[in-house]
Amino acid sequence: MKAKQKIKNTFLILTAILGFSLHTSSQNPVITEKYTADPAAIVHNDTVYLYAGHDEAEHDFHFYNLNEWLIYSSTDMVNWREEGNFPVTEFEWARGDAWAAEVIEKDGKFYWYVTVHHKDVDGKAGKAIGVAVADSPVGPFKDAIGAALITNNMTTDIDIDWDDIDPTVYIDDDGTPWLFWGNSKCYYAKLKDNMIELDSPIMEIEGLPNFTEAPFIHKKGDYYYLTYAYEFPEKTAYAMSKSIEGPWEFKGILNEIAGNCNTNHQAILEYKGKDYFIYHNGGIPTQGGSFRRSVCIDYLHYNPDGTLKRVQMTSEGVKPAK
C-alpha cells in the first residue's frame, strides 16, 4: 500500500509541475491535480478552453471555498493543460466567492461573466454578476465595468441573497446577446452590443419545473435548449423552444445526480463533429465531495426528433477527439 501511495503522490506532483492532466487512457474526472467545479467551455481556433472554479475547501469543511477560476486548454478533450488563473480580487467591489461563471467571444474580445459576493455597499450585499474582458481566451482578464452588472437589489421577488448567480450568455443568430441567470427563479435579459450593459428589463422564464440554478443555453438545428439544475441534490433537466424567448417546453431529466456531489452544473459543446456534456462530480478518490468537486466529460446524444438522450456518466470518459 505504501508503494502504491508513493506512486500516486508522485503522479499528482508531476501533473502539478507540468501544468496538465496526464492520462494513459481517457478517464473521468479530466482534471485530477486540482479540484474544479462549475465548468464552462468555448472553442477558439480549433482549441477548447475550459473555465472552472477552483474548489479549495478543507476536507472537513462543509461549505464552498473558491477564490479563483482556472483556465485549461485541450485539442482532444482528454489531455488538458492549465493556462492560468483569474482571481476574484480583480473585482474590487466584490468581497469574494468565485462561483459559477461563463466565457463567450464577441468581435475578438472574450467576456467572462462571473458570480461573486458583493461588498455591503449601497444595499448591494449578496451574490452579484460581474464581467471581465480580455483579448485572448487565456487572459489577462480585467474588470470590464468597475461595478457589478447584476446586483441582489435588482431582483427582489425572492427573499434570498443568492438568486443572482450562474450567468450564461448566448448570442442569437441575429447577433443579439442574451444573459440568463438565477437561483430559485430563472431570469433573463437582453444585453447591449457592448456586452456590459442590459438592453431590456429583467424578465423571468415560467414553466421550468423544480428550477434550482445553473441555466445554460445552446442551439442545435432549429431548436434552442435550456438546461438547468433540477431539485436538490441536483439533477440536470432541460426544456426546448423554437425561440430563445420561449415558450419553453419541459422535456425531462438529462443527467442524474452526479456521484458524491450535491450540485450539478453543465456546459454543452460541439467539437470536431461530436457533442459533449461537461459537468462536475465529487469523484476524485483523494477526499473529493460536494465542496471538492471535479470536472468530467461525457458524450451528448440527440434523438431524431431533436430531444436529448439521457447522459451516461462514465468513469472512462470520452475518447480523444480527432
C-alpha atoms as a PDB file:
ATOM      1  CA  MET A   1       0.000   0.000   0.000  1.00  0.00           C
ATOM      2  CA  LYS A   2       2.829   2.388   0.817  1.00  0.00           C
ATOM      3  CA  ALA A   3       4.397   1.787  -2.588  1.00  0.00           C
ATOM      4  CA  LYS A   4       1.077   2.452  -4.359  1.00  0.00           C
ATOM      5  CA  GLN A   5       0.546   5.659  -2.390  1.00  0.00           C
ATOM      6  CA  LYS A   6       4.060   6.817  -3.216  1.00  0.00           C
ATOM      7  CA  ILE A   7       3.422   6.257  -6.930  1.00  0.00           C
ATOM      8  CA  LYS A   8       0.106   8.149  -6.681  1.00  0.00           C
ATOM      9  CA  ASN A   9       1.718  11.072  -4.872  1.00  0.00           C
ATOM     10  CA  THR A  10       4.488  11.222  -7.475  1.00  0.00           C
ATOM     11  CA  PHE A  11       1.843  11.312 -10.219  1.00  0.00           C
ATOM     12  CA  LEU A  12      -0.017  14.208  -8.613  1.00  0.00           C
ATOM     13  CA  ILE A  13       3.197  16.187  -8.099  1.00  0.00           C
ATOM     14  CA  LEU A  14       4.259  15.582 -11.704  1.00  0.00           C
ATOM     15  CA  THR A  15       0.948  16.775 -13.157  1.00  0.00           C
ATOM     16  CA  ALA A  16       1.046  19.873 -10.963  1.00  0.00           C
ATOM     17  CA  ILE A  17       4.576  20.730 -12.125  1.00  0.00           C
ATOM     18  CA  LEU A  18       3.863  20.137 -15.797  1.00  0.00           C
ATOM     19  CA  GLY A  19       0.584  22.014 -15.640  1.00  0.00           C
ATOM     20  CA  PHE A  20      -1.648  19.447 -17.296  1.00  0.00           C
ATOM     21  CA  SER A  21      -3.506  16.231 -16.584  1.00  0.00           C
ATOM     22  CA  LEU A  22      -1.678  13.157 -17.851  1.00  0.00           C
ATOM     23  CA  HIS A  23      -3.864  10.201 -18.791  1.00  0.00           C
ATOM     24  CA  THR A  24      -2.649   6.859 -20.079  1.00  0.00           C
ATOM     25  CA  SER A  25      -6.248   6.427 -21.315  1.00  0.00           C
ATOM     26  CA  SER A  26      -9.401   8.530 -21.308  1.00  0.00           C
ATOM     27  CA  GLN A  27     -10.924   8.914 -17.868  1.00  0.00           C
ATOM     28  CA  ASN A  28     -13.152  10.998 -15.635  1.00  0.00           C
ATOM     29  CA  PRO A  29     -12.525  13.339 -13.941  1.00  0.00           C
ATOM     30  CA  VAL A  30     -10.457  15.067 -16.617  1.00  0.00           C
ATOM     31  CA  ILE A  31      -8.647  17.370 -14.173  1.00  0.00           C
ATOM     32  CA  THR A  32      -7.008  15.500 -11.306  1.00  0.00           C
ATOM     33  CA  GLU A  33      -4.313  17.751  -9.872  1.00  0.00           C
ATOM     34  CA  LYS A  34      -6.796  20.314  -8.508  1.00  0.00           C
ATOM     35  CA  TYR A  35     -10.442  20.293  -7.510  1.00  0.00           C
ATOM     36  CA  THR A  36     -12.522  22.023 -10.192  1.00  0.00           C
ATOM     37  CA  ALA A  37     -16.213  22.907 -10.445  1.00  0.00           C
ATOM     38  CA  ASP A  38     -18.904  24.701 -12.474  1.00  0.00           C
ATOM     39  CA  PRO A  39     -17.355  24.176 -15.908  1.00  0.00           C
ATOM     40  CA  ALA A  40     -17.746  26.482 -18.891  1.00  0.00           C
ATOM     41  CA  ALA A  41     -16.102  25.961 -22.268  1.00  0.00           C
ATOM     42  CA  ILE A  42     -15.609  27.571 -25.676  1.00  0.00           C
ATOM     43  CA  VAL A  43     -13.906  26.610 -28.929  1.00  0.00           C
ATOM     44  CA  HIS A  44     -11.421  29.099 -30.386  1.00  0.00           C
ATOM     45  CA  ASN A  45      -9.005  28.416 -33.243  1.00  0.00           C
ATOM     46  CA  ASP A  46      -9.650  24.665 -33.040  1.00  0.00           C
ATOM     47  CA  THR A  47      -8.761  24.581 -29.335  1.00  0.00           C
ATOM     48  CA  VAL A  48     -11.178  24.037 -26.463  1.00  0.00           C
ATOM     49  CA  TYR A  49     -10.802  26.357 -23.478  1.00  0.00           C
ATOM     50  CA  LEU A  50     -12.238  25.148 -20.199  1.00  0.00           C
ATOM     51  CA  TYR A  51     -13.030  27.571 -17.361  1.00  0.00           C
ATOM     52  CA  ALA A  52     -13.751  26.245 -13.876  1.00  0.00           C
ATOM     53  CA  GLY A  53     -13.950  27.369 -10.294  1.00  0.00           C
ATOM     54  CA  HIS A  54     -11.171  26.145  -8.018  1.00  0.00           C
ATOM     55  CA  ASP A  55     -12.583  24.294  -5.002  1.00  0.00           C
ATOM     56  CA  GLU A  56     -10.197  24.835  -2.094  1.00  0.00           C
ATOM     57  CA  ALA A  57     -12.272  23.721   0.902  1.00  0.00           C
ATOM     58  CA  GLU A  58     -10.585  21.563   3.507  1.00  0.00           C
ATOM     59  CA  HIS A  59     -11.859  18.002   3.618  1.00  0.00           C
ATOM     60  CA  ASP A  60     -13.815  18.553   6.841  1.00  0.00           C
ATOM     61  CA  PHE A  61     -15.159  21.981   5.775  1.00  0.00           C
ATOM     62  CA  HIS A  62     -18.846  21.898   4.884  1.00  0.00           C
ATOM     63  CA  PHE A  63     -19.247  24.830   2.513  1.00  0.00           C
ATOM     64  CA  TYR A  64     -17.715  26.243  -0.651  1.00  0.00           C
ATOM     65  CA  ASN A  65     -14.327  27.920  -0.651  1.00  0.00           C
ATOM     66  CA  LEU A  66     -13.498  29.347  -4.080  1.00  0.00           C
ATOM     67  CA  ASN A  67     -11.132  32.281  -4.528  1.00  0.00           C
ATOM     68  CA  GLU A  68     -10.250  31.961  -8.209  1.00  0.00           C
ATOM     69  CA  TRP A  69     -11.207  30.470 -11.537  1.00  0.00           C
ATOM     70  CA  LEU A  70      -8.835  28.242 -13.515  1.00  0.00           C
ATOM     71  CA  ILE A  71      -8.245  28.120 -17.272  1.00  0.00           C
ATOM     72  CA  TYR A  72      -7.376  24.945 -19.195  1.00  0.00           C
ATOM     73  CA  SER A  73      -6.925  24.155 -22.884  1.00  0.00           C
ATOM     74  CA  SER A  74      -7.123  20.987 -24.959  1.00  0.00           C
ATOM     75  CA  THR A  75      -7.106  19.893 -28.574  1.00  0.00           C
ATOM     76  CA  ASP A  76      -8.543  16.432 -27.908  1.00  0.00           C
ATOM     77  CA  MET A  77     -10.954  16.801 -24.927  1.00  0.00           C
ATOM     78  CA  VAL A  78      -8.831  14.328 -22.938  1.00  0.00           C
ATOM     79  CA  ASN A  79      -5.482  15.947 -22.167  1.00  0.00           C
ATOM     80  CA  TRP A  80      -5.756  19.374 -20.533  1.00  0.00           C
ATOM     81  CA  ARG A  81      -3.094  21.988 -19.931  1.00  0.00           C
ATOM     82  CA  GLU A  82      -3.536  24.604 -17.225  1.00  0.00           C
ATOM     83  CA  GLU A  83      -3.173  28.035 -18.826  1.00  0.00           C
ATOM     84  CA  GLY A  84      -3.571  30.285 -15.821  1.00  0.00           C
ATOM     85  CA  ASN A  85      -5.980  31.568 -13.234  1.00  0.00           C
ATOM     86  CA  PHE A  86      -8.263  34.531 -12.639  1.00  0.00           C
ATOM     87  CA  PRO A  87      -8.613  35.672  -9.001  1.00  0.00           C
ATOM     88  CA  VAL A  88     -11.844  37.104  -7.638  1.00  0.00           C
ATOM     89  CA  THR A  89      -9.801  40.006  -6.232  1.00  0.00           C
ATOM     90  CA  GLU A  90      -9.815  41.501  -9.752  1.00  0.00           C
ATOM     91  CA  PHE A  91     -13.280  42.791  -8.853  1.00  0.00           C
ATOM     92  CA  GLU A  92     -12.575  45.444  -6.229  1.00  0.00           C
ATOM     93  CA  TRP A  93     -16.282  45.791  -5.403  1.00  0.00           C
ATOM     94  CA  ALA A  94     -16.532  42.077  -4.519  1.00  0.00           C
ATOM     95  CA  ARG A  95     -15.643  40.530  -1.195  1.00  0.00           C
ATOM     96  CA  GLY A  96     -15.056  37.013  -2.547  1.00  0.00           C
ATOM     97  CA  ASP A  97     -16.700  33.763  -3.720  1.00  0.00           C
ATOM     98  CA  ALA A  98     -15.559  32.749  -7.226  1.00  0.00           C
ATOM     99  CA  TRP A  99     -18.763  30.893  -8.055  1.00  0.00           C
ATOM    100  CA  ALA A 100     -20.080  29.694 -11.424  1.00  0.00           C
ATOM    101  CA  ALA A 101     -19.052  31.710 -14.477  1.00  0.00           C
ATOM    102  CA  GLU A 102     -19.043  31.598 -18.265  1.00  0.00           C
ATOM    103  CA  VAL A 103     -16.872  32.948 -21.084  1.00  0.00           C
ATOM    104  CA  ILE A 104     -18.077  33.962 -24.541  1.00  0.00           C
ATOM    105  CA  GLU A 105     -16.306  35.508 -27.529  1.00  0.00           C
ATOM    106  CA  LYS A 106     -17.617  38.510 -29.456  1.00  0.00           C
ATOM    107  CA  ASP A 107     -15.810  40.638 -32.041  1.00  0.00           C
ATOM    108  CA  GLY A 108     -12.381  39.392 -30.997  1.00  0.00           C
ATOM    109  CA  LYS A 109     -12.969  40.037 -27.298  1.00  0.00           C
ATOM    110  CA  PHE A 110     -13.540  37.425 -24.611  1.00  0.00           C
ATOM    111  CA  TYR A 111     -16.107  38.266 -21.947  1.00  0.00           C
ATOM    112  CA  TRP A 112     -16.111  36.379 -18.631  1.00  0.00           C
ATOM    113  CA  TYR A 113     -19.392  36.619 -16.696  1.00  0.00           C
ATOM    114  CA  VAL A 114     -18.859  35.622 -13.077  1.00  0.00           C
ATOM    115  CA  THR A 115     -20.750  35.061  -9.840  1.00  0.00           C
ATOM    116  CA  VAL A 116     -19.222  36.793  -6.805  1.00  0.00           C
ATOM    117  CA  HIS A 117     -20.415  38.177  -3.483  1.00  0.00           C
ATOM    118  CA  HIS A 118     -20.861  41.943  -3.470  1.00  0.00           C
ATOM    119  CA  LYS A 119     -19.472  44.032  -0.652  1.00  0.00           C
ATOM    120  CA  ASP A 120     -22.117  45.653   1.553  1.00  0.00           C
ATOM    121  CA  VAL A 121     -22.215  48.957  -0.340  1.00  0.00           C
ATOM    122  CA  ASP A 122     -25.422  50.894  -1.042  1.00  0.00           C
ATOM    123  CA  GLY A 123     -27.594  47.907  -0.188  1.00  0.00           C
ATOM    124  CA  LYS A 124     -25.949  45.700  -2.801  1.00  0.00           C
ATOM    125  CA  ALA A 125     -24.682  42.947  -0.486  1.00  0.00           C
ATOM    126  CA  GLY A 126     -25.381  39.452  -1.755  1.00  0.00           C
ATOM    127  CA  LYS A 127     -24.500  37.472  -4.817  1.00  0.00           C
ATOM    128  CA  ALA A 128     -23.853  39.553  -7.911  1.00  0.00           C
ATOM    129  CA  ILE A 129     -22.756  39.127 -11.519  1.00  0.00           C
ATOM    130  CA  GLY A 130     -19.651  40.847 -12.826  1.00  0.00           C
ATOM    131  CA  VAL A 131     -17.985  40.950 -16.241  1.00  0.00           C
ATOM    132  CA  ALA A 132     -14.316  40.758 -17.142  1.00  0.00           C
ATOM    133  CA  VAL A 133     -12.820  41.149 -20.609  1.00  0.00           C
ATOM    134  CA  ALA A 134      -9.637  40.073 -22.393  1.00  0.00           C
ATOM    135  CA  ASP A 135      -8.127  39.983 -25.868  1.00  0.00           C
ATOM    136  CA  SER A 136      -7.244  36.304 -25.508  1.00  0.00           C
ATOM    137  CA  PRO A 137      -9.148  33.256 -24.231  1.00  0.00           C
ATOM    138  CA  VAL A 138      -6.439  32.828 -21.578  1.00  0.00           C
ATOM    139  CA  GLY A 139      -6.378  36.458 -20.493  1.00  0.00           C
ATOM    140  CA  PRO A 140      -5.261  38.526 -18.808  1.00  0.00           C
ATOM    141  CA  PHE A 141      -8.843  39.346 -17.840  1.00  0.00           C
ATOM    142  CA  LYS A 142      -9.744  42.711 -16.333  1.00  0.00           C
ATOM    143  CA  ASP A 143     -12.948  44.037 -14.781  1.00  0.00           C
ATOM    144  CA  ALA A 144     -14.866  45.430 -17.760  1.00  0.00           C
ATOM    145  CA  ILE A 145     -17.203  47.741 -15.830  1.00  0.00           C
ATOM    146  CA  GLY A 146     -15.678  48.562 -12.456  1.00  0.00           C
ATOM    147  CA  ALA A 147     -19.021  47.616 -10.917  1.00  0.00           C
ATOM    148  CA  ALA A 148     -21.474  44.733 -10.969  1.00  0.00           C
ATOM    149  CA  LEU A 149     -23.731  44.124 -13.962  1.00  0.00           C
ATOM    150  CA  ILE A 150     -26.421  42.456 -11.802  1.00  0.00           C
ATOM    151  CA  THR A 151     -26.844  43.077  -8.070  1.00  0.00           C
ATOM    152  CA  ASN A 152     -29.093  41.464  -5.498  1.00  0.00           C
ATOM    153  CA  ASN A 153     -31.275  44.568  -5.132  1.00  0.00           C
ATOM    154  CA  MET A 154     -32.274  44.342  -8.821  1.00  0.00           C
ATOM    155  CA  THR A 155     -34.261  41.134  -8.256  1.00  0.00           C
ATOM    156  CA  THR A 156     -36.440  41.381  -5.183  1.00  0.00           C
ATOM    157  CA  ASP A 157     -39.215  38.817  -5.687  1.00  0.00           C
ATOM    158  CA  ILE A 158     -37.323  36.197  -3.665  1.00  0.00           C
ATOM    159  CA  ASP A 159     -36.180  36.898  -0.128  1.00  0.00           C
ATOM    160  CA  ILE A 160     -32.720  35.380  -0.534  1.00  0.00           C
ATOM    161  CA  ASP A 161     -29.376  36.955  -1.355  1.00  0.00           C
ATOM    162  CA  TRP A 162     -28.145  34.228  -3.706  1.00  0.00           C
ATOM    163  CA  ASP A 163     -30.719  34.337  -6.533  1.00  0.00           C
ATOM    164  CA  ASP A 164     -28.360  36.274  -8.838  1.00  0.00           C
ATOM    165  CA  ILE A 165     -25.887  33.531  -9.666  1.00  0.00           C
ATOM    166  CA  ASP A 166     -24.779  31.251 -12.509  1.00  0.00           C
ATOM    167  CA  PRO A 167     -24.683  33.600 -15.516  1.00  0.00           C
ATOM    168  CA  THR A 168     -24.771  32.192 -19.018  1.00  0.00           C
ATOM    169  CA  VAL A 169     -24.707  34.208 -22.248  1.00  0.00           C
ATOM    170  CA  TYR A 170     -25.907  33.220 -25.698  1.00  0.00           C
ATOM    171  CA  ILE A 171     -25.573  35.294 -28.877  1.00  0.00           C
ATOM    172  CA  ASP A 172     -28.562  34.598 -31.107  1.00  0.00           C
ATOM    173  CA  ASP A 173     -28.460  34.170 -34.864  1.00  0.00           C
ATOM    174  CA  ASP A 174     -29.413  37.821 -35.362  1.00  0.00           C
ATOM    175  CA  GLY A 175     -26.448  38.939 -33.242  1.00  0.00           C
ATOM    176  CA  THR A 176     -28.456  39.786 -30.121  1.00  0.00           C
ATOM    177  CA  PRO A 177     -26.678  38.756 -26.904  1.00  0.00           C
ATOM    178  CA  TRP A 178     -28.824  37.369 -24.082  1.00  0.00           C
ATOM    179  CA  LEU A 179     -27.956  36.894 -20.419  1.00  0.00           C
ATOM    180  CA  PHE A 180     -29.609  34.134 -18.355  1.00  0.00           C
ATOM    181  CA  TRP A 181     -29.034  33.502 -14.653  1.00  0.00           C
ATOM    182  CA  GLY A 182     -30.700  32.670 -11.364  1.00  0.00           C
ATOM    183  CA  ASN A 183     -31.382  30.523  -8.343  1.00  0.00           C
ATOM    184  CA  SER A 184     -34.991  29.549  -7.485  1.00  0.00           C
ATOM    185  CA  LYS A 185     -36.094  31.700 -10.429  1.00  0.00           C
ATOM    186  CA  CYS A 186     -34.630  31.791 -13.937  1.00  0.00           C
ATOM    187  CA  TYR A 187     -34.033  35.384 -15.033  1.00  0.00           C
ATOM    188  CA  TYR A 188     -33.041  36.685 -18.452  1.00  0.00           C
ATOM    189  CA  ALA A 189     -32.412  39.961 -20.228  1.00  0.00           C
ATOM    190  CA  LYS A 190     -31.012  41.317 -23.469  1.00  0.00           C
ATOM    191  CA  LEU A 191     -27.510  42.722 -23.438  1.00  0.00           C
ATOM    192  CA  LYS A 192     -26.372  45.711 -25.430  1.00  0.00           C
ATOM    193  CA  ASP A 193     -23.912  45.134 -28.228  1.00  0.00           C
ATOM    194  CA  ASN A 194     -21.088  46.218 -25.895  1.00  0.00           C
ATOM    195  CA  MET A 195     -21.827  43.110 -23.739  1.00  0.00           C
ATOM    196  CA  ILE A 196     -21.579  45.044 -20.470  1.00  0.00           C
ATOM    197  CA  GLU A 197     -24.997  46.738 -20.186  1.00  0.00           C
ATOM    198  CA  LEU A 198     -28.566  45.461 -20.073  1.00  0.00           C
ATOM    199  CA  ASP A 199     -30.753  46.346 -23.047  1.00  0.00           C
ATOM    200  CA  SER A 200     -34.118  45.247 -21.636  1.00  0.00           C
ATOM    201  CA  PRO A 201     -35.927  44.856 -18.344  1.00  0.00           C
ATOM    202  CA  ILE A 202     -35.123  41.751 -16.322  1.00  0.00           C
ATOM    203  CA  MET A 203     -37.647  39.036 -17.217  1.00  0.00           C
ATOM    204  CA  GLU A 204     -38.439  35.619 -15.786  1.00  0.00           C
ATOM    205  CA  ILE A 205     -38.918  32.262 -17.501  1.00  0.00           C
ATOM    206  CA  GLU A 206     -42.038  30.455 -16.335  1.00  0.00           C
ATOM    207  CA  GLY A 207     -42.819  26.765 -16.558  1.00  0.00           C
ATOM    208  CA  LEU A 208     -39.466  25.229 -15.600  1.00  0.00           C
ATOM    209  CA  PRO A 209     -40.354  22.566 -13.020  1.00  0.00           C
ATOM    210  CA  ASN A 210     -38.136  22.448  -9.940  1.00  0.00           C
ATOM    211  CA  PHE A 211     -35.726  25.068 -11.293  1.00  0.00           C
ATOM    212  CA  THR A 212     -32.839  25.374  -8.856  1.00  0.00           C
ATOM    213  CA  GLU A 213     -29.963  27.116 -10.672  1.00  0.00           C
ATOM    214  CA  ALA A 214     -27.324  26.713 -13.430  1.00  0.00           C
ATOM    215  CA  PRO A 215     -29.234  27.692 -16.583  1.00  0.00           C
ATOM    216  CA  PHE A 216     -27.387  27.068 -19.839  1.00  0.00           C
ATOM    217  CA  ILE A 217     -28.498  27.853 -23.404  1.00  0.00           C
ATOM    218  CA  HIS A 218     -27.346  26.157 -26.575  1.00  0.00           C
ATOM    219  CA  LYS A 219     -28.810  25.616 -30.033  1.00  0.00           C
ATOM    220  CA  LYS A 220     -28.753  22.625 -32.359  1.00  0.00           C
ATOM    221  CA  GLY A 221     -30.551  22.746 -35.681  1.00  0.00           C
ATOM    222  CA  ASP A 222     -33.887  24.517 -35.273  1.00  0.00           C
ATOM    223  CA  TYR A 223     -34.114  24.115 -31.504  1.00  0.00           C
ATOM    224  CA  TYR A 224     -32.906  26.079 -28.527  1.00  0.00           C
ATOM    225  CA  TYR A 225     -32.169  24.051 -25.405  1.00  0.00           C
ATOM    226  CA  LEU A 226     -32.331  25.384 -21.858  1.00  0.00           C
ATOM    227  CA  THR A 227     -30.670  23.006 -19.413  1.00  0.00           C
ATOM    228  CA  TYR A 228     -30.682  23.653 -15.677  1.00  0.00           C
ATOM    229  CA  ALA A 229     -30.099  22.186 -12.237  1.00  0.00           C
ATOM    230  CA  TYR A 230     -33.269  20.445 -11.060  1.00  0.00           C
ATOM    231  CA  GLU A 231     -34.233  19.863  -7.401  1.00  0.00           C
ATOM    232  CA  PHE A 232     -31.628  19.323  -4.672  1.00  0.00           C
ATOM    233  CA  PRO A 233     -29.466  17.260  -4.622  1.00  0.00           C
ATOM    234  CA  GLU A 234     -29.363  18.378  -8.203  1.00  0.00           C
ATOM    235  CA  LYS A 235     -30.107  16.540 -11.402  1.00  0.00           C
ATOM    236  CA  THR A 236     -29.946  18.296 -14.782  1.00  0.00           C
ATOM    237  CA  ALA A 237     -33.229  18.832 -16.646  1.00  0.00           C
ATOM    238  CA  TYR A 238     -33.968  20.533 -19.953  1.00  0.00           C
ATOM    239  CA  ALA A 239     -36.584  22.371 -21.979  1.00  0.00           C
ATOM    240  CA  MET A 240     -36.799  23.125 -25.706  1.00  0.00           C
ATOM    241  CA  SER A 241     -38.068  26.031 -27.787  1.00  0.00           C
ATOM    242  CA  LYS A 242     -38.107  27.343 -31.342  1.00  0.00           C
ATOM    243  CA  SER A 243     -37.243  30.809 -29.985  1.00  0.00           C
ATOM    244  CA  ILE A 244     -34.742  31.991 -27.415  1.00  0.00           C
ATOM    245  CA  GLU A 245     -37.583  33.997 -25.853  1.00  0.00           C
ATOM    246  CA  GLY A 246     -39.718  30.878 -25.479  1.00  0.00           C
ATOM    247  CA  PRO A 247     -42.188  29.490 -24.819  1.00  0.00           C
ATOM    248  CA  TRP A 248     -40.119  26.670 -23.364  1.00  0.00           C
ATOM    249  CA  GLU A 249     -41.441  23.100 -23.299  1.00  0.00           C
ATOM    250  CA  PHE A 250     -40.130  20.977 -20.447  1.00  0.00           C
ATOM    251  CA  LYS A 251     -38.729  17.661 -21.673  1.00  0.00           C
ATOM    252  CA  GLY A 252     -37.413  15.907 -18.583  1.00  0.00           C
ATOM    253  CA  ILE A 253     -34.211  14.784 -16.918  1.00  0.00           C
ATOM    254  CA  LEU A 254     -30.954  14.926 -18.871  1.00  0.00           C
ATOM    255  CA  ASN A 255     -28.406  13.963 -16.205  1.00  0.00           C
ATOM    256  CA  GLU A 256     -28.868  12.139 -12.925  1.00  0.00           C
ATOM    257  CA  ILE A 257     -27.349  13.175  -9.588  1.00  0.00           C
ATOM    258  CA  ALA A 258     -23.581  13.244 -10.059  1.00  0.00           C
ATOM    259  CA  GLY A 259     -21.780  10.831  -7.763  1.00  0.00           C
ATOM    260  CA  ASN A 260     -20.746  12.069  -4.322  1.00  0.00           C
ATOM    261  CA  CYS A 261     -21.858  15.642  -5.086  1.00  0.00           C
ATOM    262  CA  ASN A 262     -24.993  17.658  -4.296  1.00  0.00           C
ATOM    263  CA  THR A 263     -24.670  20.054  -7.236  1.00  0.00           C
ATOM    264  CA  ASN A 264     -24.875  19.524 -10.982  1.00  0.00           C
ATOM    265  CA  HIS A 265     -23.531  22.233 -13.302  1.00  0.00           C
ATOM    266  CA  GLN A 266     -23.228  21.746 -17.051  1.00  0.00           C
ATOM    267  CA  ALA A 267     -21.707  23.105 -20.219  1.00  0.00           C
ATOM    268  CA  ILE A 268     -22.555  21.722 -23.657  1.00  0.00           C
ATOM    269  CA  LEU A 269     -20.121  21.880 -26.541  1.00  0.00           C
ATOM    270  CA  GLU A 270     -19.758  20.656 -30.110  1.00  0.00           C
ATOM    271  CA  TYR A 271     -16.172  19.930 -31.136  1.00  0.00           C
ATOM    272  CA  LYS A 272     -14.722  18.092 -34.126  1.00  0.00           C
ATOM    273  CA  GLY A 273     -18.076  16.614 -35.063  1.00  0.00           C
ATOM    274  CA  LYS A 274     -19.118  15.317 -31.631  1.00  0.00           C
ATOM    275  CA  ASP A 275     -21.287  16.750 -28.868  1.00  0.00           C
ATOM    276  CA  TYR A 276     -20.063  16.856 -25.278  1.00  0.00           C
ATOM    277  CA  PHE A 277     -21.684  17.232 -21.872  1.00  0.00           C
ATOM    278  CA  ILE A 278     -19.258  18.802 -19.401  1.00  0.00           C
ATOM    279  CA  TYR A 279     -20.139  18.650 -15.710  1.00  0.00           C
ATOM    280  CA  HIS A 280     -18.652  18.032 -12.280  1.00  0.00           C
ATOM    281  CA  ASN A 281     -18.879  15.339  -9.648  1.00  0.00           C
ATOM    282  CA  GLY A 282     -17.110  14.584  -6.375  1.00  0.00           C
ATOM    283  CA  GLY A 283     -15.267  11.656  -7.831  1.00  0.00           C
ATOM    284  CA  ILE A 284     -11.571  12.152  -7.106  1.00  0.00           C
ATOM    285  CA  PRO A 285     -10.665   9.405  -4.628  1.00  0.00           C
ATOM    286  CA  THR A 286      -8.452  11.756  -2.595  1.00  0.00           C
ATOM    287  CA  GLN A 287     -11.316  13.118  -0.482  1.00  0.00           C
ATOM    288  CA  GLY A 288     -13.487  14.532  -3.256  1.00  0.00           C
ATOM    289  CA  GLY A 289     -17.059  15.544  -2.455  1.00  0.00           C
ATOM    290  CA  SER A 290     -19.706  18.272  -2.676  1.00  0.00           C
ATOM    291  CA  PHE A 291     -17.192  21.004  -1.784  1.00  0.00           C
ATOM    292  CA  ARG A 292     -14.191  19.394  -3.525  1.00  0.00           C
ATOM    293  CA  ARG A 293     -15.571  18.769  -6.991  1.00  0.00           C
ATOM    294  CA  SER A 294     -14.026  17.645 -10.260  1.00  0.00           C
ATOM    295  CA  VAL A 295     -14.824  18.366 -13.916  1.00  0.00           C
ATOM    296  CA  CYS A 296     -15.889  15.401 -16.063  1.00  0.00           C
ATOM    297  CA  ILE A 297     -16.823  14.984 -19.732  1.00  0.00           C
ATOM    298  CA  ASP A 298     -19.147  12.525 -21.439  1.00  0.00           C
ATOM    299  CA  TYR A 299     -20.881  12.442 -24.805  1.00  0.00           C
ATOM    300  CA  LEU A 300     -24.225  14.100 -25.508  1.00  0.00           C
ATOM    301  CA  HIS A 301     -26.597  12.441 -27.993  1.00  0.00           C
ATOM    302  CA  TYR A 302     -29.714  13.707 -29.799  1.00  0.00           C
ATOM    303  CA  ASN A 303     -32.775  11.753 -30.856  1.00  0.00           C
ATOM    304  CA  PRO A 304     -34.092  12.133 -34.446  1.00  0.00           C
ATOM    305  CA  ASP A 305     -36.858  14.457 -33.195  1.00  0.00           C
ATOM    306  CA  GLY A 306     -34.347  16.780 -31.547  1.00  0.00           C
ATOM    307  CA  THR A 307     -34.902  15.656 -27.976  1.00  0.00           C
ATOM    308  CA  LEU A 308     -31.870  14.727 -25.895  1.00  0.00           C
ATOM    309  CA  LYS A 309     -30.874  11.274 -24.790  1.00  0.00           C
ATOM    310  CA  ARG A 310     -30.110  10.950 -21.108  1.00  0.00           C
ATOM    311  CA  VAL A 311     -26.404  11.428 -20.406  1.00  0.00           C
ATOM    312  CA  GLN A 312     -24.493   8.319 -19.472  1.00  0.00           C
ATOM    313  CA  MET A 313     -21.946   9.339 -16.844  1.00  0.00           C
ATOM    314  CA  THR A 314     -18.885   7.133 -17.142  1.00  0.00           C
ATOM    315  CA  SER A 315     -15.559   6.635 -15.429  1.00  0.00           C
ATOM    316  CA  GLU A 316     -13.963   6.053 -18.847  1.00  0.00           C
ATOM    317  CA  GLY A 317     -14.961   9.464 -20.191  1.00  0.00           C
ATOM    318  CA  VAL A 318     -14.582  10.328 -23.863  1.00  0.00           C
ATOM    319  CA  LYS A 319     -12.077   9.219 -26.481  1.00  0.00           C
ATOM    320  CA  PRO A 320      -9.525  11.678 -27.849  1.00  0.00           C
ATOM    321  CA  ALA A 321     -11.166  13.917 -30.451  1.00  0.00           C
ATOM    322  CA  LYS A 322      -9.535  13.822 -33.855  1.00  0.00           C
END
